[in-house]
């Protein structure tokens, strides 16, 4: 299993790594990084408080390129959209726009 990170190696070539440990949860990866178990690639929304507090630090900053990934709100839709889902989607949209993530 290989991972591609947004870190330039050579002109036009991104960093490919073969992790020794993998998890499907950003929180698990965050906890492993906090415990000193290596370096990781996690989203800003997962790591921003730890970075600000000095618990984590960015490495390879000069070689790293900003990557924006889509956000998907997945929900079951029947004939009519529940008002709580509509409310949440509106909140999510406003929060993303306010943080200039959109």
C-alpha atoms as a PDB file:
ATOM      1  CA  UNK A   1       0.000   0.000   0.000  1.00  0.00           C
ATOM      2  CA  UNK A   2       1.425   3.371  -1.026  1.00  0.00           C
ATOM      3  CA  UNK A   3       0.362   6.828   0.001  1.00  0.00           C
ATOM      4  CA  UNK A   4       0.951   9.939  -2.097  1.00  0.00           C
ATOM      5  CA  UNK A   5       1.655  13.119  -0.135  1.00  0.00           C
ATOM      6  CA  UNK A   6       1.541  16.673  -1.578  1.00  0.00           C
ATOM      7  CA  UNK A   7       5.302  17.034  -1.149  1.00  0.00           C
ATOM      8  CA  UNK A   8       7.391  17.601  -4.269  1.00  0.00           C
ATOM      9  CA  UNK A   9      10.345  15.243  -4.701  1.00  0.00           C
ATOM     10  CA  UNK A  10      11.501  16.196  -8.175  1.00  0.00           C
ATOM     11  CA  UNK A  11       9.933  18.407 -10.744  1.00  0.00           C
ATOM     12  CA  UNK A  12       6.309  17.298 -10.964  1.00  0.00           C
ATOM     13  CA  UNK A  13       6.801  14.191  -8.828  1.00  0.00           C
ATOM     14  CA  UNK A  14       5.023  13.822  -5.496  1.00  0.00           C
ATOM     15  CA  UNK A  15       6.304  11.957  -2.450  1.00  0.00           C
ATOM     16  CA  UNK A  16       5.245   8.316  -2.332  1.00  0.00           C
ATOM     17  CA  UNK A  17       5.525   6.569   1.006  1.00  0.00           C
ATOM     18  CA  UNK A  18       4.854   3.068   2.218  1.00  0.00           C
ATOM     19  CA  UNK A  19       3.465   3.446   5.737  1.00  0.00           C
ATOM     20  CA  UNK A  20       4.374   1.008   8.477  1.00  0.00           C
ATOM     21  CA  UNK A  21       1.052   1.754  10.162  1.00  0.00           C
ATOM     22  CA  UNK A  22      -2.287   2.815   8.665  1.00  0.00           C
ATOM     23  CA  UNK A  23      -5.640   3.780  10.150  1.00  0.00           C
ATOM     24  CA  UNK A  24      -8.917   4.994   8.697  1.00  0.00           C
ATOM     25  CA  UNK A  25      -9.501   7.496  11.495  1.00  0.00           C
ATOM     26  CA  UNK A  26      -7.883  10.919  11.514  1.00  0.00           C
ATOM     27  CA  UNK A  27      -8.205  10.985  15.296  1.00  0.00           C
ATOM     28  CA  UNK A  28      -6.227   7.731  15.649  1.00  0.00           C
ATOM     29  CA  UNK A  29      -3.497   9.100  13.379  1.00  0.00           C
ATOM     30  CA  UNK A  30      -3.469  12.352  15.392  1.00  0.00           C
ATOM     31  CA  UNK A  31      -3.105  10.447  18.675  1.00  0.00           C
ATOM     32  CA  UNK A  32      -0.228   8.407  17.246  1.00  0.00           C
ATOM     33  CA  UNK A  33       1.551  11.598  16.161  1.00  0.00           C
ATOM     34  CA  UNK A  34       0.997  13.149  19.592  1.00  0.00           C
ATOM     35  CA  UNK A  35       2.505  10.015  21.143  1.00  0.00           C
ATOM     36  CA  UNK A  36       5.637  10.480  19.016  1.00  0.00           C
ATOM     37  CA  UNK A  37       5.038   7.483  16.783  1.00  0.00           C
ATOM     38  CA  UNK A  38       6.208   9.197  13.589  1.00  0.00           C
ATOM     39  CA  UNK A  39       5.108  11.762  11.057  1.00  0.00           C
ATOM     40  CA  UNK A  40       1.708  11.884   9.466  1.00  0.00           C
ATOM     41  CA  UNK A  41      -0.376  13.730   6.943  1.00  0.00           C
ATOM     42  CA  UNK A  42      -3.567  14.961   8.603  1.00  0.00           C
ATOM     43  CA  UNK A  43      -5.992  17.721   7.770  1.00  0.00           C
ATOM     44  CA  UNK A  44      -5.667  21.211   9.190  1.00  0.00           C
ATOM     45  CA  UNK A  45      -9.055  20.917  10.869  1.00  0.00           C
ATOM     46  CA  UNK A  46      -7.735  17.897  12.787  1.00  0.00           C
ATOM     47  CA  UNK A  47      -4.359  19.375  13.712  1.00  0.00           C
ATOM     48  CA  UNK A  48      -4.773  23.168  13.996  1.00  0.00           C
ATOM     49  CA  UNK A  49      -5.204  23.265  17.793  1.00  0.00           C
ATOM     50  CA  UNK A  50      -2.235  20.968  18.364  1.00  0.00           C
ATOM     51  CA  UNK A  51      -0.098  23.049  16.000  1.00  0.00           C
ATOM     52  CA  UNK A  52      -1.096  26.296  17.749  1.00  0.00           C
ATOM     53  CA  UNK A  53      -0.346  24.784  21.180  1.00  0.00           C
ATOM     54  CA  UNK A  54       3.018  23.394  20.056  1.00  0.00           C
ATOM     55  CA  UNK A  55       2.032  19.757  20.607  1.00  0.00           C
ATOM     56  CA  UNK A  56       2.620  19.063  16.895  1.00  0.00           C
ATOM     57  CA  UNK A  57       4.832  20.825  14.386  1.00  0.00           C
ATOM     58  CA  UNK A  58       4.783  20.926  10.622  1.00  0.00           C
ATOM     59  CA  UNK A  59       7.702  19.377   8.772  1.00  0.00           C
ATOM     60  CA  UNK A  60       8.671  19.840   5.118  1.00  0.00           C
ATOM     61  CA  UNK A  61       6.722  23.116   5.010  1.00  0.00           C
ATOM     62  CA  UNK A  62       8.710  24.499   2.061  1.00  0.00           C
ATOM     63  CA  UNK A  63       8.107  21.388  -0.032  1.00  0.00           C
ATOM     64  CA  UNK A  64       4.436  20.914   0.866  1.00  0.00           C
ATOM     65  CA  UNK A  65       1.745  22.179  -1.477  1.00  0.00           C
ATOM     66  CA  UNK A  66      -1.716  23.157  -0.315  1.00  0.00           C
ATOM     67  CA  UNK A  67      -4.336  20.616  -1.354  1.00  0.00           C
ATOM     68  CA  UNK A  68      -8.075  21.203  -1.145  1.00  0.00           C
ATOM     69  CA  UNK A  69     -10.237  18.113  -0.994  1.00  0.00           C
ATOM     70  CA  UNK A  70     -13.996  18.014  -1.484  1.00  0.00           C
ATOM     71  CA  UNK A  71     -16.345  17.735   1.475  1.00  0.00           C
ATOM     72  CA  UNK A  72     -19.253  15.329   1.144  1.00  0.00           C
ATOM     73  CA  UNK A  73     -22.323  15.374   3.362  1.00  0.00           C
ATOM     74  CA  UNK A  74     -23.820  11.913   2.993  1.00  0.00           C
ATOM     75  CA  UNK A  75     -27.347  11.303   4.190  1.00  0.00           C
ATOM     76  CA  UNK A  76     -30.330   9.151   3.373  1.00  0.00           C
ATOM     77  CA  UNK A  77     -32.898  11.051   1.392  1.00  0.00           C
ATOM     78  CA  UNK A  78     -36.462   9.918   1.190  1.00  0.00           C
ATOM     79  CA  UNK A  79     -39.355  11.898  -0.305  1.00  0.00           C
ATOM     80  CA  UNK A  80     -38.749  14.963   1.884  1.00  0.00           C
ATOM     81  CA  UNK A  81     -35.525  16.176   3.433  1.00  0.00           C
ATOM     82  CA  UNK A  82     -35.742  16.297   7.240  1.00  0.00           C
ATOM     83  CA  UNK A  83     -35.502  19.811   8.668  1.00  0.00           C
ATOM     84  CA  UNK A  84     -32.622  18.834  10.975  1.00  0.00           C
ATOM     85  CA  UNK A  85     -30.575  17.708   7.957  1.00  0.00           C
ATOM     86  CA  UNK A  86     -31.375  20.916   6.088  1.00  0.00           C
ATOM     87  CA  UNK A  87     -30.366  22.934   9.155  1.00  0.00           C
ATOM     88  CA  UNK A  88     -27.079  21.032   9.483  1.00  0.00           C
ATOM     89  CA  UNK A  89     -26.241  21.412   5.779  1.00  0.00           C
ATOM     90  CA  UNK A  90     -26.901  25.159   5.979  1.00  0.00           C
ATOM     91  CA  UNK A  91     -24.679  25.402   9.080  1.00  0.00           C
ATOM     92  CA  UNK A  92     -21.921  23.403   7.386  1.00  0.00           C
ATOM     93  CA  UNK A  93     -22.048  25.564   4.282  1.00  0.00           C
ATOM     94  CA  UNK A  94     -21.834  28.804   6.313  1.00  0.00           C
ATOM     95  CA  UNK A  95     -18.940  27.459   8.393  1.00  0.00           C
ATOM     96  CA  UNK A  96     -16.965  26.398   5.334  1.00  0.00           C
ATOM     97  CA  UNK A  97     -17.535  29.720   3.578  1.00  0.00           C
ATOM     98  CA  UNK A  98     -16.656  31.692   6.747  1.00  0.00           C
ATOM     99  CA  UNK A  99     -13.346  29.836   7.062  1.00  0.00           C
ATOM    100  CA  UNK A 100     -12.588  30.361   3.341  1.00  0.00           C
ATOM    101  CA  UNK A 101     -12.417  26.606   2.844  1.00  0.00           C
ATOM    102  CA  UNK A 102     -14.798  26.658  -0.102  1.00  0.00           C
END
